[in-house]
Amino acid sequence: MTKTFYNYLNTKLDSIYSDSLGFVQIKTDKMDCFPLECPYTLEQLLDINWLPKF
């Protein structure tokens, strides 16, 4: 991944998460189960060996 593309994704992460959150909330009808802000860093999301802790 180029540095330019990485920087672009990093600037769009909040917007992408917000759009995704809206879709998931509509589909699941659960408005209070998900954090309003992305709890993960771009590095975590791009790491294929990383899984969030529940």
PDB file of N, CA and C in Angstrom:
ATOM      1  N   MET A   1       0.850  -1.165   0.000  1.00  0.00           N
ATOM      2  CA  MET A   1       0.000   0.000   0.000  1.00  0.00           C
ATOM      3  C   MET A   1       0.898   1.230   0.000  1.00  0.00           C
ATOM      4  N   THR A   2       0.560   2.169  -0.837  1.00  0.00           N
ATOM      5  CA  THR A   2       1.368   3.384  -0.897  1.00  0.00           C
ATOM      6  C   THR A   2       1.071   4.278   0.303  1.00  0.00           C
ATOM      7  N   LYS A   3       2.013   5.122   0.618  1.00  0.00           N
ATOM      8  CA  LYS A   3       1.835   6.072   1.720  1.00  0.00           C
ATOM      9  C   LYS A   3       0.668   7.021   1.423  1.00  0.00           C
ATOM     10  N   THR A   4       0.523   7.408   0.163  1.00  0.00           N
ATOM     11  CA  THR A   4      -0.564   8.309  -0.227  1.00  0.00           C
ATOM     12  C   THR A   4      -1.922   7.656   0.018  1.00  0.00           C
ATOM     13  N   PHE A   5      -2.058   6.407  -0.394  1.00  0.00           N
ATOM     14  CA  PHE A   5      -3.326   5.698  -0.192  1.00  0.00           C
ATOM     15  C   PHE A   5      -3.595   5.472   1.294  1.00  0.00           C
ATOM     16  N   TYR A   6      -2.568   5.125   2.047  1.00  0.00           N
ATOM     17  CA  TYR A   6      -2.703   4.949   3.486  1.00  0.00           C
ATOM     18  C   TYR A   6      -3.195   6.245   4.136  1.00  0.00           C
ATOM     19  N   ASN A   7      -2.584   7.359   3.779  1.00  0.00           N
ATOM     20  CA  ASN A   7      -2.987   8.654   4.332  1.00  0.00           C
ATOM     21  C   ASN A   7      -4.423   8.991   3.956  1.00  0.00           C
ATOM     22  N   TYR A   8      -4.804   8.672   2.729  1.00  0.00           N
ATOM     23  CA  TYR A   8      -6.177   8.911   2.278  1.00  0.00           C
ATOM     24  C   TYR A   8      -7.157   8.100   3.136  1.00  0.00           C
ATOM     25  N   LEU A   9      -6.878   6.816   3.298  1.00  0.00           N
ATOM     26  CA  LEU A   9      -7.746   5.974   4.121  1.00  0.00           C
ATOM     27  C   LEU A   9      -7.820   6.484   5.553  1.00  0.00           C
ATOM     28  N   ASN A  10      -6.708   6.919   6.076  1.00  0.00           N
ATOM     29  CA  ASN A  10      -6.672   7.421   7.445  1.00  0.00           C
ATOM     30  C   ASN A  10      -7.544   8.663   7.609  1.00  0.00           C
ATOM     31  N   THR A  11      -7.582   9.519   6.601  1.00  0.00           N
ATOM     32  CA  THR A  11      -8.424  10.713   6.687  1.00  0.00           C
ATOM     33  C   THR A  11      -9.900  10.380   6.496  1.00  0.00           C
ATOM     34  N   LYS A  12     -10.195   9.277   5.836  1.00  0.00           N
ATOM     35  CA  LYS A  12     -11.579   8.878   5.562  1.00  0.00           C
ATOM     36  C   LYS A  12     -12.134   7.872   6.568  1.00  0.00           C
ATOM     37  N   LEU A  13     -11.313   7.394   7.488  1.00  0.00           N
ATOM     38  CA  LEU A  13     -11.728   6.334   8.401  1.00  0.00           C
ATOM     39  C   LEU A  13     -12.990   6.697   9.179  1.00  0.00           C
ATOM     40  N   ASP A  14     -13.060   7.880   9.726  1.00  0.00           N
ATOM     41  CA  ASP A  14     -14.239   8.285  10.501  1.00  0.00           C
ATOM     42  C   ASP A  14     -15.493   8.309   9.636  1.00  0.00           C
ATOM     43  N   SER A  15     -15.377   8.803   8.433  1.00  0.00           N
ATOM     44  CA  SER A  15     -16.511   8.863   7.515  1.00  0.00           C
ATOM     45  C   SER A  15     -16.962   7.461   7.096  1.00  0.00           C
ATOM     46  N   ILE A  16     -16.011   6.605   6.791  1.00  0.00           N
ATOM     47  CA  ILE A  16     -16.327   5.224   6.404  1.00  0.00           C
ATOM     48  C   ILE A  16     -17.016   4.503   7.559  1.00  0.00           C
ATOM     49  N   TYR A  17     -16.493   4.674   8.756  1.00  0.00           N
ATOM     50  CA  TYR A  17     -17.087   4.029   9.929  1.00  0.00           C
ATOM     51  C   TYR A  17     -18.502   4.559  10.169  1.00  0.00           C
ATOM     52  N   SER A  18     -18.674   5.842  10.077  1.00  0.00           N
ATOM     53  CA  SER A  18     -19.983   6.445  10.303  1.00  0.00           C
ATOM     54  C   SER A  18     -21.011   5.925   9.302  1.00  0.00           C
ATOM     55  N   ASP A  19     -20.642   5.867   8.039  1.00  0.00           N
ATOM     56  CA  ASP A  19     -21.546   5.335   7.012  1.00  0.00           C
ATOM     57  C   ASP A  19     -21.879   3.870   7.289  1.00  0.00           C
ATOM     58  N   SER A  20     -20.879   3.097   7.645  1.00  0.00           N
ATOM     59  CA  SER A  20     -21.073   1.674   7.937  1.00  0.00           C
ATOM     60  C   SER A  20     -21.949   1.488   9.171  1.00  0.00           C
ATOM     61  N   LEU A  21     -21.728   2.303  10.166  1.00  0.00           N
ATOM     62  CA  LEU A  21     -22.508   2.232  11.393  1.00  0.00           C
ATOM     63  C   LEU A  21     -23.985   2.487  11.111  1.00  0.00           C
ATOM     64  N   GLY A  22     -24.270   3.470  10.295  1.00  0.00           N
ATOM     65  CA  GLY A  22     -25.656   3.749   9.931  1.00  0.00           C
ATOM     66  C   GLY A  22     -26.310   2.561   9.248  1.00  0.00           C
ATOM     67  N   PHE A  23     -25.597   1.936   8.335  1.00  0.00           N
ATOM     68  CA  PHE A  23     -26.118   0.767   7.630  1.00  0.00           C
ATOM     69  C   PHE A  23     -26.373  -0.389   8.599  1.00  0.00           C
ATOM     70  N   VAL A  24     -25.415  -0.672   9.467  1.00  0.00           N
ATOM     71  CA  VAL A  24     -25.543  -1.784  10.415  1.00  0.00           C
ATOM     72  C   VAL A  24     -26.679  -1.526  11.396  1.00  0.00           C
ATOM     73  N   GLN A  25     -26.823  -0.309  11.851  1.00  0.00           N
ATOM     74  CA  GLN A  25     -27.892   0.007  12.796  1.00  0.00           C
ATOM     75  C   GLN A  25     -29.264  -0.184  12.161  1.00  0.00           C
ATOM     76  N   ILE A  26     -29.402   0.160  10.899  1.00  0.00           N
ATOM     77  CA  ILE A  26     -30.670  -0.046  10.197  1.00  0.00           C
ATOM     78  C   ILE A  26     -30.942  -1.538  10.033  1.00  0.00           C
ATOM     79  N   LYS A  27     -29.930  -2.281   9.616  1.00  0.00           N
ATOM     80  CA  LYS A  27     -30.098  -3.716   9.370  1.00  0.00           C
ATOM     81  C   LYS A  27     -30.352  -4.504  10.652  1.00  0.00           C
ATOM     82  N   THR A  28     -29.735  -4.113  11.753  1.00  0.00           N
ATOM     83  CA  THR A  28     -29.871  -4.873  12.997  1.00  0.00           C
ATOM     84  C   THR A  28     -30.934  -4.295  13.922  1.00  0.00           C
ATOM     85  N   ASP A  29     -31.350  -3.076  13.666  1.00  0.00           N
ATOM     86  CA  ASP A  29     -32.317  -2.378  14.513  1.00  0.00           C
ATOM     87  C   ASP A  29     -31.817  -2.255  15.954  1.00  0.00           C
ATOM     88  N   LYS A  30     -30.517  -2.177  16.111  1.00  0.00           N
ATOM     89  CA  LYS A  30     -29.912  -2.012  17.436  1.00  0.00           C
ATOM     90  C   LYS A  30     -29.076  -0.738  17.419  1.00  0.00           C
ATOM     91  N   MET A  31     -29.614   0.308  17.965  1.00  0.00           N
ATOM     92  CA  MET A  31     -28.966   1.613  17.895  1.00  0.00           C
ATOM     93  C   MET A  31     -27.911   1.820  18.983  1.00  0.00           C
ATOM     94  N   ASP A  32     -27.995   1.085  20.071  1.00  0.00           N
ATOM     95  CA  ASP A  32     -27.105   1.376  21.198  1.00  0.00           C
ATOM     96  C   ASP A  32     -25.995   0.339  21.401  1.00  0.00           C
ATOM     97  N   CYS A  33     -25.831  -0.582  20.480  1.00  0.00           N
ATOM     98  CA  CYS A  33     -24.831  -1.650  20.646  1.00  0.00           C
ATOM     99  C   CYS A  33     -23.453  -1.289  20.106  1.00  0.00           C
ATOM    100  N   PHE A  34     -23.374  -0.246  19.330  1.00  0.00           N
ATOM    101  CA  PHE A  34     -22.131   0.068  18.638  1.00  0.00           C
ATOM    102  C   PHE A  34     -21.602   1.432  19.059  1.00  0.00           C
ATOM    103  N   PRO A  35     -20.282   1.555  19.203  1.00  0.00           N
ATOM    104  CA  PRO A  35     -19.710   2.860  19.552  1.00  0.00           C
ATOM    105  C   PRO A  35     -19.926   3.866  18.426  1.00  0.00           C
ATOM    106  N   LEU A  36     -20.115   5.114  18.788  1.00  0.00           N
ATOM    107  CA  LEU A  36     -20.348   6.154  17.787  1.00  0.00           C
ATOM    108  C   LEU A  36     -19.091   6.499  17.001  1.00  0.00           C
ATOM    109  N   GLU A  37     -17.933   6.281  17.604  1.00  0.00           N
ATOM    110  CA  GLU A  37     -16.661   6.536  16.923  1.00  0.00           C
ATOM    111  C   GLU A  37     -15.922   5.221  16.749  1.00  0.00           C
ATOM    112  N   CYS A  38     -15.185   5.115  15.682  1.00  0.00           N
ATOM    113  CA  CYS A  38     -14.444   3.894  15.392  1.00  0.00           C
ATOM    114  C   CYS A  38     -13.443   3.610  16.516  1.00  0.00           C
ATOM    115  N   PRO A  39     -13.561   2.465  17.167  1.00  0.00           N
ATOM    116  CA  PRO A  39     -12.662   2.151  18.279  1.00  0.00           C
ATOM    117  C   PRO A  39     -11.328   1.551  17.845  1.00  0.00           C
ATOM    118  N   TYR A  40     -11.101   1.438  16.554  1.00  0.00           N
ATOM    119  CA  TYR A  40      -9.902   0.789  16.035  1.00  0.00           C
ATOM    120  C   TYR A  40      -9.067   1.759  15.214  1.00  0.00           C
ATOM    121  N   THR A  41      -7.787   1.518  15.210  1.00  0.00           N
ATOM    122  CA  THR A  41      -6.899   2.321  14.373  1.00  0.00           C
ATOM    123  C   THR A  41      -6.857   1.712  12.978  1.00  0.00           C
ATOM    124  N   LEU A  42      -6.415   2.491  12.032  1.00  0.00           N
ATOM    125  CA  LEU A  42      -6.267   1.981  10.674  1.00  0.00           C
ATOM    126  C   LEU A  42      -5.265   0.830  10.651  1.00  0.00           C
ATOM    127  N   GLU A  43      -4.216   0.931  11.439  1.00  0.00           N
ATOM    128  CA  GLU A  43      -3.220  -0.139  11.504  1.00  0.00           C
ATOM    129  C   GLU A  43      -3.855  -1.454  11.948  1.00  0.00           C
ATOM    130  N   GLN A  44      -4.724  -1.379  12.951  1.00  0.00           N
ATOM    131  CA  GLN A  44      -5.403  -2.583  13.416  1.00  0.00           C
ATOM    132  C   GLN A  44      -6.312  -3.156  12.333  1.00  0.00           C
ATOM    133  N   LEU A  45      -7.059  -2.315  11.681  1.00  0.00           N
ATOM    134  CA  LEU A  45      -7.990  -2.776  10.656  1.00  0.00           C
ATOM    135  C   LEU A  45      -7.285  -3.399   9.459  1.00  0.00           C
ATOM    136  N   LEU A  46      -6.087  -2.942   9.171  1.00  0.00           N
ATOM    137  CA  LEU A  46      -5.343  -3.467   8.030  1.00  0.00           C
ATOM    138  C   LEU A  46      -4.503  -4.695   8.374  1.00  0.00           C
ATOM    139  N   ASP A  47      -4.335  -4.975   9.639  1.00  0.00           N
ATOM    140  CA  ASP A  47      -3.521  -6.112  10.075  1.00  0.00           C
ATOM    141  C   ASP A  47      -4.346  -7.397   9.986  1.00  0.00           C
ATOM    142  N   ILE A  48      -3.975  -8.309   9.093  1.00  0.00           N
ATOM    143  CA  ILE A  48      -4.757  -9.531   8.898  1.00  0.00           C
ATOM    144  C   ILE A  48      -4.664 -10.485  10.087  1.00  0.00           C
ATOM    145  N   ASN A  49      -3.714 -10.285  10.966  1.00  0.00           N
ATOM    146  CA  ASN A  49      -3.562 -11.147  12.140  1.00  0.00           C
ATOM    147  C   ASN A  49      -4.205 -10.571  13.399  1.00  0.00           C
ATOM    148  N   TRP A  50      -4.783  -9.386  13.298  1.00  0.00           N
ATOM    149  CA  TRP A  50      -5.356  -8.728  14.466  1.00  0.00           C
ATOM    150  C   TRP A  50      -6.855  -8.992  14.537  1.00  0.00           C
ATOM    151  N   LEU A  51      -7.332  -9.293  15.728  1.00  0.00           N
ATOM    152  CA  LEU A  51      -8.767  -9.428  15.968  1.00  0.00           C
ATOM    153  C   LEU A  51      -9.121  -8.603  17.193  1.00  0.00           C
ATOM    154  N   PRO A  52     -10.260  -7.918  17.168  1.00  0.00           N
ATOM    155  CA  PRO A  52     -10.646  -7.123  18.345  1.00  0.00           C
ATOM    156  C   PRO A  52     -10.959  -8.032  19.532  1.00  0.00           C
ATOM    157  N   LYS A  53     -10.749  -7.499  20.719  1.00  0.00           N
ATOM    158  CA  LYS A  53     -11.068  -8.233  21.947  1.00  0.00           C
ATOM    159  C   LYS A  53     -12.491  -7.889  22.356  1.00  0.00           C
ATOM    160  N   PHE A  54     -13.222  -8.891  22.730  1.00  0.00           N
ATOM    161  CA  PHE A  54     -14.610  -8.681  23.163  1.00  0.00           C
ATOM    162  C   PHE A  54     -14.744  -8.940  24.625  1.00  0.00           C
TER     163      PHE A  54
END
